[in-house]
Amino acid sequence: KVPTYEYYGFALYMVSSAAFLMYLLWAFLPSPFLHELGIYYYPNRWWALAVPAWLVVLLGYVYVALASYNTQRLTLPMKSIENLVDEAAQVAVVD
């Protein structure tokens, strides 16, 4: 018996491939050709460039924001002795 997750994965693959193909056709085909196909209502072509550009900017922002958040939240305070030693360190004791 085939698990249903494989069917879901295949369906998702087919739907995403069809959506990407429609995006490419909308972005690259001239308007008169789309009118011949009977497609008259579609978004402005500006969005074909704006959405990928915004996604790239968002990716850069997430990279910097996560690095900043991790630096702020996960770094120990400078007063903490754990910045200098840990449980494996052999700290010299001055008598």
N, C-alpha and C. Protein backbone atom coordinates (compact mmCIF):
# COMPACT_ATOMS: atom_id res chain seq x y z
N LYS A 1 0.85 -1.19 0.00
CA LYS A 1 0.00 0.00 0.00
C LYS A 1 0.88 1.25 0.00
N VAL A 2 0.53 2.21 -0.83
CA VAL A 2 1.30 3.44 -0.95
C VAL A 2 0.79 4.43 0.09
N PRO A 3 1.70 5.05 0.86
CA PRO A 3 1.26 6.06 1.84
C PRO A 3 0.62 7.27 1.15
N THR A 4 -0.35 7.85 1.82
CA THR A 4 -1.04 9.01 1.23
C THR A 4 -0.13 10.22 1.13
N TYR A 5 0.95 10.27 1.93
CA TYR A 5 1.86 11.41 1.86
C TYR A 5 2.52 11.51 0.49
N GLU A 6 2.74 10.37 -0.15
CA GLU A 6 3.33 10.41 -1.48
C GLU A 6 2.35 11.02 -2.48
N TYR A 7 1.08 10.72 -2.33
CA TYR A 7 0.07 11.33 -3.20
C TYR A 7 0.01 12.84 -2.98
N TYR A 8 0.04 13.25 -1.72
CA TYR A 8 0.01 14.68 -1.42
C TYR A 8 1.24 15.37 -1.99
N GLY A 9 2.38 14.75 -1.86
CA GLY A 9 3.60 15.33 -2.40
C GLY A 9 3.55 15.46 -3.91
N PHE A 10 3.04 14.44 -4.58
CA PHE A 10 2.93 14.49 -6.04
C PHE A 10 1.93 15.57 -6.47
N ALA A 11 0.81 15.66 -5.77
CA ALA A 11 -0.18 16.68 -6.10
C ALA A 11 0.39 18.08 -5.88
N LEU A 12 1.12 18.27 -4.80
CA LEU A 12 1.74 19.57 -4.53
C LEU A 12 2.77 19.89 -5.61
N TYR A 13 3.53 18.90 -6.03
CA TYR A 13 4.51 19.10 -7.10
C TYR A 13 3.82 19.52 -8.39
N MET A 14 2.73 18.86 -8.74
CA MET A 14 2.03 19.19 -9.98
C MET A 14 1.41 20.58 -9.93
N VAL A 15 0.80 20.93 -8.80
CA VAL A 15 0.17 22.25 -8.66
C VAL A 15 1.22 23.35 -8.69
N SER A 16 2.34 23.16 -8.00
CA SER A 16 3.37 24.19 -7.99
C SER A 16 4.03 24.32 -9.36
N SER A 17 4.20 23.21 -10.07
CA SER A 17 4.76 23.29 -11.43
C SER A 17 3.81 24.03 -12.36
N ALA A 18 2.52 23.77 -12.26
CA ALA A 18 1.55 24.47 -13.10
C ALA A 18 1.51 25.96 -12.77
N ALA A 19 1.57 26.30 -11.49
CA ALA A 19 1.56 27.71 -11.10
C ALA A 19 2.81 28.42 -11.60
N PHE A 20 3.96 27.77 -11.53
CA PHE A 20 5.19 28.38 -12.02
C PHE A 20 5.15 28.55 -13.53
N LEU A 21 4.60 27.57 -14.23
CA LEU A 21 4.47 27.68 -15.69
C LEU A 21 3.53 28.83 -16.06
N MET A 22 2.43 28.98 -15.35
CA MET A 22 1.52 30.10 -15.62
C MET A 22 2.20 31.43 -15.33
N TYR A 23 3.01 31.49 -14.27
CA TYR A 23 3.75 32.71 -13.95
C TYR A 23 4.71 33.06 -15.08
N LEU A 24 5.45 32.06 -15.57
CA LEU A 24 6.39 32.32 -16.66
C LEU A 24 5.68 32.77 -17.93
N LEU A 25 4.56 32.13 -18.26
CA LEU A 25 3.81 32.53 -19.45
C LEU A 25 3.27 33.94 -19.31
N TRP A 26 2.75 34.28 -18.14
CA TRP A 26 2.24 35.63 -17.91
C TRP A 26 3.36 36.65 -17.99
N ALA A 27 4.55 36.30 -17.49
CA ALA A 27 5.64 37.26 -17.45
C ALA A 27 6.27 37.49 -18.82
N PHE A 28 6.32 36.47 -19.66
CA PHE A 28 7.09 36.58 -20.89
C PHE A 28 6.27 36.68 -22.18
N LEU A 29 5.03 36.24 -22.18
CA LEU A 29 4.24 36.33 -23.40
C LEU A 29 3.72 37.75 -23.59
N PRO A 30 3.71 38.23 -24.82
CA PRO A 30 3.19 39.58 -25.06
C PRO A 30 1.67 39.63 -24.85
N SER A 31 1.19 40.81 -24.58
CA SER A 31 -0.24 41.00 -24.30
C SER A 31 -1.14 40.57 -25.45
N PRO A 32 -0.81 40.86 -26.71
CA PRO A 32 -1.72 40.41 -27.79
C PRO A 32 -1.87 38.88 -27.83
N PHE A 33 -0.83 38.16 -27.51
CA PHE A 33 -0.93 36.70 -27.50
C PHE A 33 -1.86 36.23 -26.38
N LEU A 34 -1.77 36.88 -25.22
CA LEU A 34 -2.67 36.53 -24.12
C LEU A 34 -4.12 36.87 -24.49
N HIS A 35 -4.32 37.96 -25.23
CA HIS A 35 -5.67 38.32 -25.66
C HIS A 35 -6.22 37.29 -26.64
N GLU A 36 -5.35 36.74 -27.49
CA GLU A 36 -5.80 35.69 -28.41
C GLU A 36 -6.23 34.43 -27.66
N LEU A 37 -5.60 34.19 -26.52
CA LEU A 37 -5.98 33.03 -25.70
C LEU A 37 -7.25 33.29 -24.89
N GLY A 38 -7.74 34.52 -24.91
CA GLY A 38 -8.94 34.86 -24.17
C GLY A 38 -8.66 35.34 -22.76
N ILE A 39 -7.41 35.69 -22.49
CA ILE A 39 -7.03 36.17 -21.16
C ILE A 39 -6.92 37.69 -21.24
N TYR A 40 -7.85 38.38 -20.60
CA TYR A 40 -7.86 39.83 -20.63
C TYR A 40 -7.57 40.45 -19.27
N TYR A 41 -7.81 39.72 -18.21
CA TYR A 41 -7.62 40.26 -16.86
C TYR A 41 -6.44 39.57 -16.21
N TYR A 42 -5.36 40.28 -16.07
CA TYR A 42 -4.16 39.77 -15.42
C TYR A 42 -3.45 40.94 -14.76
N PRO A 43 -2.59 40.66 -13.78
CA PRO A 43 -1.90 41.75 -13.07
C PRO A 43 -0.91 42.48 -13.99
N ASN A 44 -0.53 43.64 -13.55
CA ASN A 44 0.46 44.42 -14.26
C ASN A 44 1.78 43.67 -14.31
N ARG A 45 2.53 43.84 -15.39
CA ARG A 45 3.81 43.12 -15.54
C ARG A 45 4.85 43.60 -14.53
N TRP A 46 4.63 44.74 -13.93
CA TRP A 46 5.54 45.24 -12.91
C TRP A 46 5.69 44.23 -11.78
N TRP A 47 4.62 43.51 -11.46
CA TRP A 47 4.65 42.54 -10.38
C TRP A 47 5.55 41.35 -10.70
N ALA A 48 5.79 41.08 -11.98
CA ALA A 48 6.69 39.98 -12.36
C ALA A 48 8.12 40.27 -11.93
N LEU A 49 8.47 41.53 -11.81
CA LEU A 49 9.79 41.90 -11.31
C LEU A 49 9.77 42.26 -9.84
N ALA A 50 8.68 42.85 -9.39
CA ALA A 50 8.62 43.34 -8.01
C ALA A 50 8.59 42.20 -6.99
N VAL A 51 7.81 41.17 -7.24
CA VAL A 51 7.70 40.08 -6.25
C VAL A 51 9.02 39.35 -6.06
N PRO A 52 9.73 38.92 -7.12
CA PRO A 52 11.04 38.29 -6.88
C PRO A 52 12.05 39.24 -6.22
N ALA A 53 12.00 40.52 -6.59
CA ALA A 53 12.92 41.48 -5.97
C ALA A 53 12.63 41.61 -4.48
N TRP A 54 11.36 41.69 -4.11
CA TRP A 54 11.00 41.78 -2.70
C TRP A 54 11.38 40.51 -1.95
N LEU A 55 11.27 39.36 -2.60
CA LEU A 55 11.66 38.11 -1.95
C LEU A 55 13.16 38.07 -1.68
N VAL A 56 13.96 38.60 -2.60
CA VAL A 56 15.41 38.66 -2.37
C VAL A 56 15.72 39.61 -1.23
N VAL A 57 15.06 40.75 -1.19
CA VAL A 57 15.27 41.70 -0.09
C VAL A 57 14.84 41.08 1.23
N LEU A 58 13.72 40.37 1.23
CA LEU A 58 13.25 39.71 2.44
C LEU A 58 14.24 38.65 2.91
N LEU A 59 14.82 37.92 1.99
CA LEU A 59 15.82 36.91 2.35
C LEU A 59 17.03 37.56 3.02
N GLY A 60 17.50 38.67 2.47
CA GLY A 60 18.61 39.38 3.09
C GLY A 60 18.25 39.93 4.46
N TYR A 61 17.04 40.46 4.59
CA TYR A 61 16.59 40.97 5.88
C TYR A 61 16.51 39.86 6.93
N VAL A 62 15.96 38.72 6.55
CA VAL A 62 15.84 37.60 7.50
C VAL A 62 17.22 37.13 7.93
N TYR A 63 18.16 37.08 7.00
CA TYR A 63 19.53 36.67 7.33
C TYR A 63 20.14 37.60 8.37
N VAL A 64 20.05 38.90 8.14
CA VAL A 64 20.63 39.88 9.07
C VAL A 64 19.85 39.90 10.38
N ALA A 65 18.52 39.83 10.31
CA ALA A 65 17.70 39.89 11.53
C ALA A 65 17.95 38.67 12.42
N LEU A 66 18.05 37.48 11.84
CA LEU A 66 18.31 36.30 12.66
C LEU A 66 19.70 36.33 13.26
N ALA A 67 20.69 36.80 12.51
CA ALA A 67 22.04 36.91 13.06
C ALA A 67 22.06 37.92 14.21
N SER A 68 21.37 39.04 14.04
CA SER A 68 21.33 40.05 15.11
C SER A 68 20.59 39.53 16.33
N TYR A 69 19.47 38.86 16.12
CA TYR A 69 18.70 38.31 17.24
C TYR A 69 19.52 37.28 18.00
N ASN A 70 20.16 36.38 17.28
CA ASN A 70 20.96 35.36 17.95
C ASN A 70 22.14 35.97 18.69
N THR A 71 22.75 37.00 18.13
CA THR A 71 23.86 37.66 18.81
C THR A 71 23.38 38.33 20.09
N GLN A 72 22.22 38.95 20.04
CA GLN A 72 21.71 39.66 21.21
C GLN A 72 21.20 38.71 22.28
N ARG A 73 20.46 37.69 21.92
CA ARG A 73 19.81 36.83 22.89
C ARG A 73 20.65 35.66 23.37
N LEU A 74 21.49 35.11 22.51
CA LEU A 74 22.21 33.90 22.85
C LEU A 74 23.63 34.14 23.34
N THR A 75 24.12 35.36 23.24
CA THR A 75 25.46 35.67 23.73
C THR A 75 25.38 35.98 25.22
N LEU A 76 26.29 35.40 25.96
CA LEU A 76 26.33 35.64 27.41
C LEU A 76 26.78 37.07 27.70
N PRO A 77 26.37 37.63 28.83
CA PRO A 77 26.82 38.97 29.20
C PRO A 77 28.33 39.00 29.39
N MET A 78 28.93 40.17 29.21
CA MET A 78 30.38 40.27 29.34
C MET A 78 30.85 40.02 30.77
N LYS A 79 29.98 40.19 31.77
CA LYS A 79 30.35 39.95 33.16
C LYS A 79 30.39 38.47 33.50
N SER A 80 29.83 37.64 32.64
CA SER A 80 29.73 36.22 32.94
C SER A 80 31.09 35.54 32.85
N ILE A 81 31.41 34.75 33.86
CA ILE A 81 32.68 34.03 33.89
C ILE A 81 32.70 32.91 32.84
N GLU A 82 31.53 32.51 32.39
CA GLU A 82 31.45 31.45 31.38
C GLU A 82 32.01 31.89 30.03
N ASN A 83 32.24 33.17 29.84
CA ASN A 83 32.91 33.63 28.63
C ASN A 83 34.38 33.23 28.63
N LEU A 84 34.93 33.03 29.82
CA LEU A 84 36.35 32.70 29.92
C LEU A 84 36.59 31.21 30.16
N VAL A 85 35.74 30.58 30.97
CA VAL A 85 35.95 29.17 31.31
C VAL A 85 34.64 28.41 31.13
N ASP A 86 34.78 27.07 31.03
CA ASP A 86 33.62 26.21 31.00
C ASP A 86 33.89 25.00 31.88
N GLU A 87 33.03 23.99 31.81
CA GLU A 87 33.18 22.84 32.70
C GLU A 87 34.41 22.01 32.37
N ALA A 88 34.98 22.14 31.19
CA ALA A 88 36.16 21.35 30.82
C ALA A 88 37.46 22.10 31.08
N ALA A 89 37.38 23.35 31.50
CA ALA A 89 38.59 24.15 31.69
C ALA A 89 39.29 23.76 32.98
N GLN A 90 40.60 23.91 32.96
CA GLN A 90 41.41 23.70 34.17
C GLN A 90 41.91 25.07 34.60
N VAL A 91 41.19 25.67 35.50
CA VAL A 91 41.49 27.02 35.94
C VAL A 91 42.61 26.96 36.96
N ALA A 92 43.62 27.80 36.75
CA ALA A 92 44.75 27.84 37.69
C ALA A 92 44.32 28.55 38.96
N VAL A 93 44.70 27.97 40.06
CA VAL A 93 44.38 28.56 41.36
C VAL A 93 45.67 29.09 41.96
N VAL A 94 45.68 30.37 42.30
CA VAL A 94 46.85 30.98 42.90
C VAL A 94 46.73 30.84 44.40
N ASP A 95 47.75 30.20 45.03
CA ASP A 95 47.73 30.01 46.49
C ASP A 95 48.22 31.22 47.22
